[in-house]
Amino acid sequence: KRKGWLNDLIPPTFDESQFKSSEKGILIKDSHFKLINNNSSGQ
């Protein structure tokens, strides 16, 4: 980060409640899911 090779922006994450617990990140309930911006700004 001090070199500017990595910044403080956190990549988007999934709303994990949308996932089937046994297949988190692969199979999604009801064929829809949400993304979360964990930063105070940005799109």
All heavy atoms as atom14 arrays in JSON, in Angstrom:
{
  "sequence": "KRKGWLNDLIPPTFDESQFKSSEKGILIKDSHFKLINNNSSGQ",
  "atom14_mask": [
    [1, 1, 1, 1, 1, 1, 1, 1, 1, 0, 0, 0, 0, 0],
    [1, 1, 1, 1, 1, 1, 1, 1, 1, 1, 1, 0, 0, 0],
    [1, 1, 1, 1, 1, 1, 1, 1, 1, 0, 0, 0, 0, 0],
    [1, 1, 1, 1, 0, 0, 0, 0, 0, 0, 0, 0, 0, 0],
    [1, 1, 1, 1, 1, 1, 1, 1, 1, 1, 1, 1, 1, 1],
    [1, 1, 1, 1, 1, 1, 1, 1, 0, 0, 0, 0, 0, 0],
    [1, 1, 1, 1, 1, 1, 1, 1, 0, 0, 0, 0, 0, 0],
    [1, 1, 1, 1, 1, 1, 1, 1, 0, 0, 0, 0, 0, 0],
    [1, 1, 1, 1, 1, 1, 1, 1, 0, 0, 0, 0, 0, 0],
    [1, 1, 1, 1, 1, 1, 1, 1, 0, 0, 0, 0, 0, 0],
    [1, 1, 1, 1, 1, 1, 1, 0, 0, 0, 0, 0, 0, 0],
    [1, 1, 1, 1, 1, 1, 1, 0, 0, 0, 0, 0, 0, 0],
    [1, 1, 1, 1, 1, 1, 1, 0, 0, 0, 0, 0, 0, 0],
    [1, 1, 1, 1, 1, 1, 1, 1, 1, 1, 1, 0, 0, 0],
    [1, 1, 1, 1, 1, 1, 1, 1, 0, 0, 0, 0, 0, 0],
    [1, 1, 1, 1, 1, 1, 1, 1, 1, 0, 0, 0, 0, 0],
    [1, 1, 1, 1, 1, 1, 0, 0, 0, 0, 0, 0, 0, 0],
    [1, 1, 1, 1, 1, 1, 1, 1, 1, 0, 0, 0, 0, 0],
    [1, 1, 1, 1, 1, 1, 1, 1, 1, 1, 1, 0, 0, 0],
    [1, 1, 1, 1, 1, 1, 1, 1, 1, 0, 0, 0, 0, 0],
    [1, 1, 1, 1, 1, 1, 0, 0, 0, 0, 0, 0, 0, 0],
    [1, 1, 1, 1, 1, 1, 0, 0, 0, 0, 0, 0, 0, 0],
    [1, 1, 1, 1, 1, 1, 1, 1, 1, 0, 0, 0, 0, 0],
    [1, 1, 1, 1, 1, 1, 1, 1, 1, 0, 0, 0, 0, 0],
    [1, 1, 1, 1, 0, 0, 0, 0, 0, 0, 0, 0, 0, 0],
    [1, 1, 1, 1, 1, 1, 1, 1, 0, 0, 0, 0, 0, 0],
    [1, 1, 1, 1, 1, 1, 1, 1, 0, 0, 0, 0, 0, 0],
    [1, 1, 1, 1, 1, 1, 1, 1, 0, 0, 0, 0, 0, 0],
    [1, 1, 1, 1, 1, 1, 1, 1, 1, 0, 0, 0, 0, 0],
    [1, 1, 1, 1, 1, 1, 1, 1, 0, 0, 0, 0, 0, 0],
    [1, 1, 1, 1, 1, 1, 0, 0, 0, 0, 0, 0, 0, 0],
    [1, 1, 1, 1, 1, 1, 1, 1, 1, 1, 0, 0, 0, 0],
    [1, 1, 1, 1, 1, 1, 1, 1, 1, 1, 1, 0, 0, 0],
    [1, 1, 1, 1, 1, 1, 1, 1, 1, 0, 0, 0, 0, 0],
    [1, 1, 1, 1, 1, 1, 1, 1, 0, 0, 0, 0, 0, 0],
    [1, 1, 1, 1, 1, 1, 1, 1, 0, 0, 0, 0, 0, 0],
    [1, 1, 1, 1, 1, 1, 1, 1, 0, 0, 0, 0, 0, 0],
    [1, 1, 1, 1, 1, 1, 1, 1, 0, 0, 0, 0, 0, 0],
    [1, 1, 1, 1, 1, 1, 1, 1, 0, 0, 0, 0, 0, 0],
    [1, 1, 1, 1, 1, 1, 0, 0, 0, 0, 0, 0, 0, 0],
    [1, 1, 1, 1, 1, 1, 0, 0, 0, 0, 0, 0, 0, 0],
    [1, 1, 1, 1, 0, 0, 0, 0, 0, 0, 0, 0, 0, 0],
    [1, 1, 1, 1, 1, 1, 1, 1, 1, 0, 0, 0, 0, 0]
  ],
  "atom14_positions": [
    [[0.83, -1.2, 0.0], [0.0, 0.0, 0.0], [0.87, 1.26, 0.0], [0.55, 2.24, -0.68], [-0.94, -0.01, 1.21], [-2.11, -0.97, 1.07], [-3.07, -0.87, 2.25], [-4.27, -1.76, 2.06], [-5.23, -1.67, 3.19], [0.0, 0.0, 0.0], [0.0, 0.0, 0.0], [0.0, 0.0, 0.0], [0.0, 0.0, 0.0], [0.0, 0.0, 0.0]],
    [[1.95, 1.25, 0.75], [2.84, 2.42, 0.77], [3.46, 2.67, -0.61], [3.72, 3.82, -0.96], [3.94, 2.23, 1.82], [3.46, 2.41, 3.25], [4.63, 2.57, 4.22], [5.42, 1.36, 4.33], [5.18, 0.39, 5.23], [4.16, 0.5, 6.07], [5.95, -0.68, 5.28], [0.0, 0.0, 0.0], [0.0, 0.0, 0.0], [0.0, 0.0, 0.0]],
    [[3.67, 1.63, -1.36], [4.21, 1.78, -2.71], [3.15, 2.18, -3.73], [3.48, 2.52, -4.86], [4.88, 0.47, -3.15], [6.15, 0.11, -2.41], [7.27, 1.09, -2.71], [7.74, 1.02, -4.14], [8.89, 1.92, -4.4], [0.0, 0.0, 0.0], [0.0, 0.0, 0.0], [0.0, 0.0, 0.0], [0.0, 0.0, 0.0], [0.0, 0.0, 0.0]],
    [[1.88, 2.12, -3.34], [0.81, 2.4, -4.28], [0.49, 1.22, -5.18], [-0.19, 1.37, -6.2], [0.0, 0.0, 0.0], [0.0, 0.0, 0.0], [0.0, 0.0, 0.0], [0.0, 0.0, 0.0], [0.0, 0.0, 0.0], [0.0, 0.0, 0.0], [0.0, 0.0, 0.0], [0.0, 0.0, 0.0], [0.0, 0.0, 0.0], [0.0, 0.0, 0.0]],
    [[0.97, 0.03, -4.81], [0.7, -1.17, -5.6], [-0.61, -1.83, -5.19], [-1.08, -2.74, -5.85], [1.84, -2.18, -5.43], [3.17, -1.7, -5.89], [3.43, -0.6, -6.67], [4.45, -2.29, -5.61], [4.78, -0.48, -6.88], [5.44, -1.5, -6.25], [4.85, -3.41, -4.89], [6.8, -1.79, -6.18], [6.21, -3.7, -4.81], [7.16, -2.9, -5.45]],
    [[-1.18, -1.4, -4.09], [-2.41, -1.95, -3.55], [-3.12, -0.8, -2.85], [-2.47, -0.02, -2.15], [-2.08, -3.07, -2.56], [-3.18, -3.99, -2.04], [-3.84, -4.74, -3.19], [-2.61, -4.98, -1.04], [0.0, 0.0, 0.0], [0.0, 0.0, 0.0], [0.0, 0.0, 0.0], [0.0, 0.0, 0.0], [0.0, 0.0, 0.0], [0.0, 0.0, 0.0]],
    [[-4.44, -0.66, -3.07], [-5.14, 0.45, -2.43], [-6.11, -0.07, -1.37], [-6.19, -1.26, -1.11], [-5.85, 1.33, -3.47], [-6.88, 0.56, -4.28], [-7.67, -0.21, -3.73], [-6.91, 0.78, -5.59], [0.0, 0.0, 0.0], [0.0, 0.0, 0.0], [0.0, 0.0, 0.0], [0.0, 0.0, 0.0], [0.0, 0.0, 0.0], [0.0, 0.0, 0.0]],
    [[-6.85, 0.85, -0.79], [-7.73, 0.5, 0.33], [-9.13, 0.1, -0.1], [-9.97, -0.22, 0.74], [-7.83, 1.68, 1.31], [-6.51, 1.9, 2.06], [-5.9, 0.89, 2.44], [-6.11, 3.06, 2.25], [0.0, 0.0, 0.0], [0.0, 0.0, 0.0], [0.0, 0.0, 0.0], [0.0, 0.0, 0.0], [0.0, 0.0, 0.0], [0.0, 0.0, 0.0]],
    [[-9.43, 0.14, -1.41], [-10.75, -0.24, -1.87], [-10.98, -1.74, -1.62], [-10.14, -2.57, -1.97], [-10.92, 0.05, -3.36], [-11.36, 1.45, -3.77], [-11.47, 1.52, -5.28], [-12.68, 1.83, -3.12], [0.0, 0.0, 0.0], [0.0, 0.0, 0.0], [0.0, 0.0, 0.0], [0.0, 0.0, 0.0], [0.0, 0.0, 0.0], [0.0, 0.0, 0.0]],
    [[-12.11, -2.06, -1.03], [-12.46, -3.45, -0.79], [-13.34, -3.93, -1.95], [-14.32, -3.28, -2.3], [-13.22, -3.6, 0.54], [-12.39, -3.03, 1.69], [-13.58, -5.07, 0.8], [-13.15, -2.94, 2.99], [0.0, 0.0, 0.0], [0.0, 0.0, 0.0], [0.0, 0.0, 0.0], [0.0, 0.0, 0.0], [0.0, 0.0, 0.0], [0.0, 0.0, 0.0]],
    [[-13.0, -5.04, -2.57], [-13.83, -5.54, -3.68], [-15.25, -5.84, -3.22], [-15.51, -6.04, -2.02], [-13.11, -6.82, -4.11], [-11.7, -6.66, -3.64], [-11.8, -5.87, -2.37], [0.0, 0.0, 0.0], [0.0, 0.0, 0.0], [0.0, 0.0, 0.0], [0.0, 0.0, 0.0], [0.0, 0.0, 0.0], [0.0, 0.0, 0.0], [0.0, 0.0, 0.0]],
    [[-16.19, -5.87, -4.15], [-17.57, -6.22, -3.79], [-17.64, -7.61, -3.19], [-16.83, -8.49, -3.51], [-18.32, -6.16, -5.12], [-17.44, -5.38, -6.04], [-16.04, -5.63, -5.59], [0.0, 0.0, 0.0], [0.0, 0.0, 0.0], [0.0, 0.0, 0.0], [0.0, 0.0, 0.0], [0.0, 0.0, 0.0], [0.0, 0.0, 0.0], [0.0, 0.0, 0.0]],
    [[-18.6, -7.82, -2.32], [-18.85, -9.15, -1.76], [-20.31, -9.51, -2.02], [-21.14, -8.67, -2.34], [-18.56, -9.2, -0.26], [-19.33, -8.18, 0.4], [-17.08, -8.97, 0.01], [0.0, 0.0, 0.0], [0.0, 0.0, 0.0], [0.0, 0.0, 0.0], [0.0, 0.0, 0.0], [0.0, 0.0, 0.0], [0.0, 0.0, 0.0], [0.0, 0.0, 0.0]],
    [[-20.59, -10.8, -1.88], [-21.96, -11.28, -2.03], [-22.71, -11.15, -0.71], [-22.13, -11.24, 0.36], [-21.97, -12.76, -2.44], [-21.43, -13.02, -3.81], [-20.19, -13.6, -3.97], [-22.17, -12.7, -4.93], [-19.7, -13.87, -5.24], [-21.69, -12.96, -6.19], [-20.45, -13.55, -6.36], [0.0, 0.0, 0.0], [0.0, 0.0, 0.0], [0.0, 0.0, 0.0]],
    [[-24.0, -10.95, -0.82], [-24.88, -11.1, 0.33], [-25.0, -12.6, 0.58], [-25.69, -13.32, -0.14], [-26.25, -10.49, 0.03], [-27.23, -10.66, 1.17], [-26.89, -11.35, 2.16], [-28.35, -10.12, 1.09], [0.0, 0.0, 0.0], [0.0, 0.0, 0.0], [0.0, 0.0, 0.0], [0.0, 0.0, 0.0], [0.0, 0.0, 0.0], [0.0, 0.0, 0.0]],
    [[-24.29, -13.09, 1.6], [-24.18, -14.52, 1.79], [-25.49, -15.19, 2.18], [-25.61, -16.42, 2.08], [-23.09, -14.82, 2.83], [-21.71, -14.4, 2.37], [-20.62, -14.82, 3.33], [-20.95, -15.45, 4.36], [-19.44, -14.52, 3.07], [0.0, 0.0, 0.0], [0.0, 0.0, 0.0], [0.0, 0.0, 0.0], [0.0, 0.0, 0.0], [0.0, 0.0, 0.0]],
    [[-26.46, -14.42, 2.59], [-27.75, -15.02, 2.91], [-28.45, -15.57, 1.67], [-29.39, -16.35, 1.76], [-28.66, -14.0, 3.6], [-29.0, -12.96, 2.69], [0.0, 0.0, 0.0], [0.0, 0.0, 0.0], [0.0, 0.0, 0.0], [0.0, 0.0, 0.0], [0.0, 0.0, 0.0], [0.0, 0.0, 0.0], [0.0, 0.0, 0.0], [0.0, 0.0, 0.0]],
    [[-27.96, -15.15, 0.49], [-28.55, -15.61, -0.76], [-28.07, -17.0, -1.16], [-28.63, -17.61, -2.06], [-28.21, -14.63, -1.89], [-28.64, -13.2, -1.63], [-30.14, -13.06, -1.7], [-30.76, -13.36, -2.71], [-30.73, -12.6, -0.6], [0.0, 0.0, 0.0], [0.0, 0.0, 0.0], [0.0, 0.0, 0.0], [0.0, 0.0, 0.0], [0.0, 0.0, 0.0]],
    [[-27.01, -17.47, -0.52], [-26.41, -18.73, -0.93], [-26.98, -19.91, -0.16], [-27.33, -19.81, 1.01], [-24.9, -18.7, -0.71], [-24.19, -17.73, -1.6], [-23.35, -16.77, -1.07], [-24.37, -17.77, -2.98], [-22.7, -15.87, -1.89], [-23.72, -16.88, -3.79], [-22.88, -15.92, -3.26], [0.0, 0.0, 0.0], [0.0, 0.0, 0.0], [0.0, 0.0, 0.0]],
    [[-27.0, -21.04, -0.81], [-27.24, -22.28, -0.1], [-26.02, -22.55, 0.77], [-24.89, -22.51, 0.3], [-27.46, -23.43, -1.07], [-28.75, -23.31, -1.88], [-28.92, -24.52, -2.8], [-30.23, -24.42, -3.57], [-30.4, -25.58, -4.49], [0.0, 0.0, 0.0], [0.0, 0.0, 0.0], [0.0, 0.0, 0.0], [0.0, 0.0, 0.0], [0.0, 0.0, 0.0]],
    [[-26.23, -22.83, 2.02], [-25.13, -22.93, 2.96], [-24.11, -23.99, 2.56], [-22.92, -23.84, 2.81], [-25.65, -23.23, 4.36], [-26.39, -24.45, 4.36], [0.0, 0.0, 0.0], [0.0, 0.0, 0.0], [0.0, 0.0, 0.0], [0.0, 0.0, 0.0], [0.0, 0.0, 0.0], [0.0, 0.0, 0.0], [0.0, 0.0, 0.0], [0.0, 0.0, 0.0]],
    [[-24.55, -25.06, 1.93], [-23.63, -26.14, 1.58], [-22.81, -25.83, 0.33], [-21.84, -26.5, 0.04], [-24.4, -27.45, 1.37], [-25.31, -27.3, 0.3], [0.0, 0.0, 0.0], [0.0, 0.0, 0.0], [0.0, 0.0, 0.0], [0.0, 0.0, 0.0], [0.0, 0.0, 0.0], [0.0, 0.0, 0.0], [0.0, 0.0, 0.0], [0.0, 0.0, 0.0]],
    [[-23.22, -24.83, -0.43], [-22.55, -24.51, -1.69], [-22.29, -23.02, -1.79], [-22.5, -22.41, -2.83], [-23.41, -24.97, -2.88], [-23.7, -26.45, -2.91], [-22.62, -27.23, -3.62], [-21.63, -26.6, -4.03], [-22.76, -28.45, -3.77], [0.0, 0.0, 0.0], [0.0, 0.0, 0.0], [0.0, 0.0, 0.0], [0.0, 0.0, 0.0], [0.0, 0.0, 0.0]],
    [[-21.85, -22.41, -0.71], [-21.7, -20.95, -0.68], [-20.82, -20.47, -1.83], [-19.73, -20.96, -2.03], [-21.11, -20.52, 0.65], [-21.08, -19.01, 0.82], [-20.62, -18.61, 2.22], [-19.13, -18.85, 2.4], [-18.66, -18.28, 3.69], [0.0, 0.0, 0.0], [0.0, 0.0, 0.0], [0.0, 0.0, 0.0], [0.0, 0.0, 0.0], [0.0, 0.0, 0.0]],
    [[-21.31, -19.51, -2.57], [-20.55, -18.95, -3.66], [-20.8, -19.63, -4.99], [-20.3, -19.19, -6.01], [0.0, 0.0, 0.0], [0.0, 0.0, 0.0], [0.0, 0.0, 0.0], [0.0, 0.0, 0.0], [0.0, 0.0, 0.0], [0.0, 0.0, 0.0], [0.0, 0.0, 0.0], [0.0, 0.0, 0.0], [0.0, 0.0, 0.0], [0.0, 0.0, 0.0]],
    [[-21.61, -20.69, -5.0], [-21.84, -21.4, -6.25], [-23.33, -21.41, -6.59], [-23.73, -20.89, -7.62], [-21.29, -22.84, -6.17], [-19.78, -22.81, -5.89], [-21.57, -23.58, -7.47], [-19.17, -24.17, -5.68], [0.0, 0.0, 0.0], [0.0, 0.0, 0.0], [0.0, 0.0, 0.0], [0.0, 0.0, 0.0], [0.0, 0.0, 0.0], [0.0, 0.0, 0.0]],
    [[-24.14, -21.99, -5.74], [-25.57, -22.09, -6.03], [-26.33, -21.02, -5.26], [-26.08, -20.8, -4.08], [-26.1, -23.48, -5.67], [-25.49, -24.64, -6.47], [-26.07, -25.97, -6.0], [-25.77, -24.45, -7.96], [0.0, 0.0, 0.0], [0.0, 0.0, 0.0], [0.0, 0.0, 0.0], [0.0, 0.0, 0.0], [0.0, 0.0, 0.0], [0.0, 0.0, 0.0]],
    [[-27.27, -20.39, -5.91], [-27.95, -19.23, -5.35], [-29.45, -19.5, -5.27], [-30.05, -20.01, -6.22], [-27.66, -17.98, -6.21], [-26.15, -17.77, -6.25], [-28.37, -16.76, -5.66], [-25.69, -16.98, -7.42], [0.0, 0.0, 0.0], [0.0, 0.0, 0.0], [0.0, 0.0, 0.0], [0.0, 0.0, 0.0], [0.0, 0.0, 0.0], [0.0, 0.0, 0.0]],
    [[-30.02, -19.17, -4.15], [-31.45, -19.39, -3.96], [-32.26, -18.49, -4.9], [-31.93, -17.33, -5.11], [-31.84, -19.08, -2.52], [-31.22, -20.02, -1.49], [-31.64, -19.6, -0.09], [-31.06, -20.52, 0.96], [-31.42, -20.11, 2.33], [0.0, 0.0, 0.0], [0.0, 0.0, 0.0], [0.0, 0.0, 0.0], [0.0, 0.0, 0.0], [0.0, 0.0, 0.0]],
    [[-33.31, -19.05, -5.45], [-34.31, -18.27, -6.19], [-33.73, -17.56, -7.41], [-34.31, -16.62, -7.93], [-34.99, -17.24, -5.28], [-35.65, -17.91, -4.09], [-36.17, -19.03, -4.25], [-35.59, -17.32, -3.0], [0.0, 0.0, 0.0], [0.0, 0.0, 0.0], [0.0, 0.0, 0.0], [0.0, 0.0, 0.0], [0.0, 0.0, 0.0], [0.0, 0.0, 0.0]],
    [[-32.52, -17.95, -7.86], [-31.93, -17.43, -9.09], [-31.68, -15.93, -9.07], [-31.72, -15.27, -10.1], [-32.81, -17.79, -10.3], [-32.93, -19.18, -10.43], [0.0, 0.0, 0.0], [0.0, 0.0, 0.0], [0.0, 0.0, 0.0], [0.0, 0.0, 0.0], [0.0, 0.0, 0.0], [0.0, 0.0, 0.0], [0.0, 0.0, 0.0], [0.0, 0.0, 0.0]],
    [[-31.46, -15.36, -7.91], [-31.07, -13.95, -7.85], [-30.15, -13.74, -6.66], [-30.16, -14.52, -5.71], [-32.3, -13.03, -7.76], [-33.08, -13.21, -6.5], [-34.11, -14.1, -6.36], [-32.97, -12.59, -5.29], [-34.59, -14.04, -5.14], [-33.93, -13.13, -4.46], [0.0, 0.0, 0.0], [0.0, 0.0, 0.0], [0.0, 0.0, 0.0], [0.0, 0.0, 0.0]],
    [[-29.34, -12.7, -6.75], [-28.43, -12.43, -5.64], [-28.08, -10.95, -5.59], [-28.29, -10.2, -6.54], [-27.17, -13.28, -5.72], [-26.38, -13.12, -6.98], [-25.34, -12.21, -7.06], [-26.65, -13.89, -8.1], [-24.6, -12.07, -8.22], [-25.91, -13.75, -9.26], [-24.89, -12.85, -9.33], [0.0, 0.0, 0.0], [0.0, 0.0, 0.0], [0.0, 0.0, 0.0]],
    [[-27.53, -10.57, -4.44], [-27.16, -9.17, -4.2], [-25.65, -9.04, -4.06], [-24.98, -9.95, -3.59], [-27.82, -8.67, -2.91], [-29.34, -8.68, -2.92], [-29.88, -8.24, -1.57], [-31.41, -8.29, -1.54], [-31.94, -7.9, -0.21], [0.0, 0.0, 0.0], [0.0, 0.0, 0.0], [0.0, 0.0, 0.0], [0.0, 0.0, 0.0], [0.0, 0.0, 0.0]],
    [[-25.15, -7.89, -4.45], [-23.75, -7.53, -4.22], [-23.7, -6.42, -3.19], [-24.62, -5.6, -3.08], [-23.09, -7.06, -5.51], [-22.97, -8.08, -6.64], [-22.35, -7.44, -7.88], [-22.14, -9.28, -6.2], [0.0, 0.0, 0.0], [0.0, 0.0, 0.0], [0.0, 0.0, 0.0], [0.0, 0.0, 0.0], [0.0, 0.0, 0.0], [0.0, 0.0, 0.0]],
    [[-22.6, -6.38, -2.43], [-22.46, -5.39, -1.37], [-21.19, -4.59, -1.6], [-20.11, -5.15, -1.83], [-22.39, -6.07, 0.01], [-23.69, -6.83, 0.28], [-22.13, -5.04, 1.12], [-23.65, -7.67, 1.54], [0.0, 0.0, 0.0], [0.0, 0.0, 0.0], [0.0, 0.0, 0.0], [0.0, 0.0, 0.0], [0.0, 0.0, 0.0], [0.0, 0.0, 0.0]],
    [[-21.3, -3.27, -1.55], [-20.14, -2.38, -1.59], [-19.73, -2.09, -0.15], [-20.46, -1.42, 0.59], [-20.49, -1.08, -2.32], [-19.3, -0.14, -2.42], [-18.2, -0.44, -1.95], [-19.51, 1.02, -3.06], [0.0, 0.0, 0.0], [0.0, 0.0, 0.0], [0.0, 0.0, 0.0], [0.0, 0.0, 0.0], [0.0, 0.0, 0.0], [0.0, 0.0, 0.0]],
    [[-18.59, -2.59, 0.26], [-18.14, -2.44, 1.63], [-17.36, -1.15, 1.88], [-16.79, -0.97, 2.96], [-17.25, -3.64, 2.0], [-18.01, -4.95, 1.93], [-18.8, -5.26, 2.81], [-17.78, -5.71, 0.87], [0.0, 0.0, 0.0], [0.0, 0.0, 0.0], [0.0, 0.0, 0.0], [0.0, 0.0, 0.0], [0.0, 0.0, 0.0], [0.0, 0.0, 0.0]],
    [[-17.31, -0.28, 0.89], [-16.61, 0.99, 1.03], [-17.6, 2.11, 1.28], [-18.79, 1.98, 1.02], [-15.82, 1.28, -0.26], [-14.87, 0.14, -0.62], [-13.78, 0.03, -0.1], [-15.31, -0.73, -1.53], [0.0, 0.0, 0.0], [0.0, 0.0, 0.0], [0.0, 0.0, 0.0], [0.0, 0.0, 0.0], [0.0, 0.0, 0.0], [0.0, 0.0, 0.0]],
    [[-17.1, 3.23, 1.77], [-17.98, 4.36, 2.08], [-18.37, 5.14, 0.83], [-19.25, 5.99, 0.87], [-17.29, 5.3, 3.07], [-16.06, 5.79, 2.53], [0.0, 0.0, 0.0], [0.0, 0.0, 0.0], [0.0, 0.0, 0.0], [0.0, 0.0, 0.0], [0.0, 0.0, 0.0], [0.0, 0.0, 0.0], [0.0, 0.0, 0.0], [0.0, 0.0, 0.0]],
    [[-17.71, 4.86, -0.29], [-18.05, 5.53, -1.54], [-17.72, 4.58, -2.69], [-17.24, 3.48, -2.5], [-17.26, 6.84, -1.69], [-15.85, 6.58, -1.68], [0.0, 0.0, 0.0], [0.0, 0.0, 0.0], [0.0, 0.0, 0.0], [0.0, 0.0, 0.0], [0.0, 0.0, 0.0], [0.0, 0.0, 0.0], [0.0, 0.0, 0.0], [0.0, 0.0, 0.0]],
    [[-18.0, 5.03, -3.91], [-17.73, 4.22, -5.1], [-18.97, 3.46, -5.56], [-19.99, 3.38, -4.86], [0.0, 0.0, 0.0], [0.0, 0.0, 0.0], [0.0, 0.0, 0.0], [0.0, 0.0, 0.0], [0.0, 0.0, 0.0], [0.0, 0.0, 0.0], [0.0, 0.0, 0.0], [0.0, 0.0, 0.0], [0.0, 0.0, 0.0], [0.0, 0.0, 0.0]],
    [[-18.88, 2.92, -6.77], [-19.99, 2.19, -7.36], [-19.5, 0.84, -7.86], [-18.36, 0.68, -8.29], [-20.59, 2.97, -8.54], [-21.23, 4.3, -8.13], [-21.69, 5.08, -9.35], [-20.89, 5.39, -10.23], [-22.97, 5.4, -9.4], [0.0, 0.0, 0.0], [0.0, 0.0, 0.0], [0.0, 0.0, 0.0], [0.0, 0.0, 0.0], [0.0, 0.0, 0.0]]
  ]
}
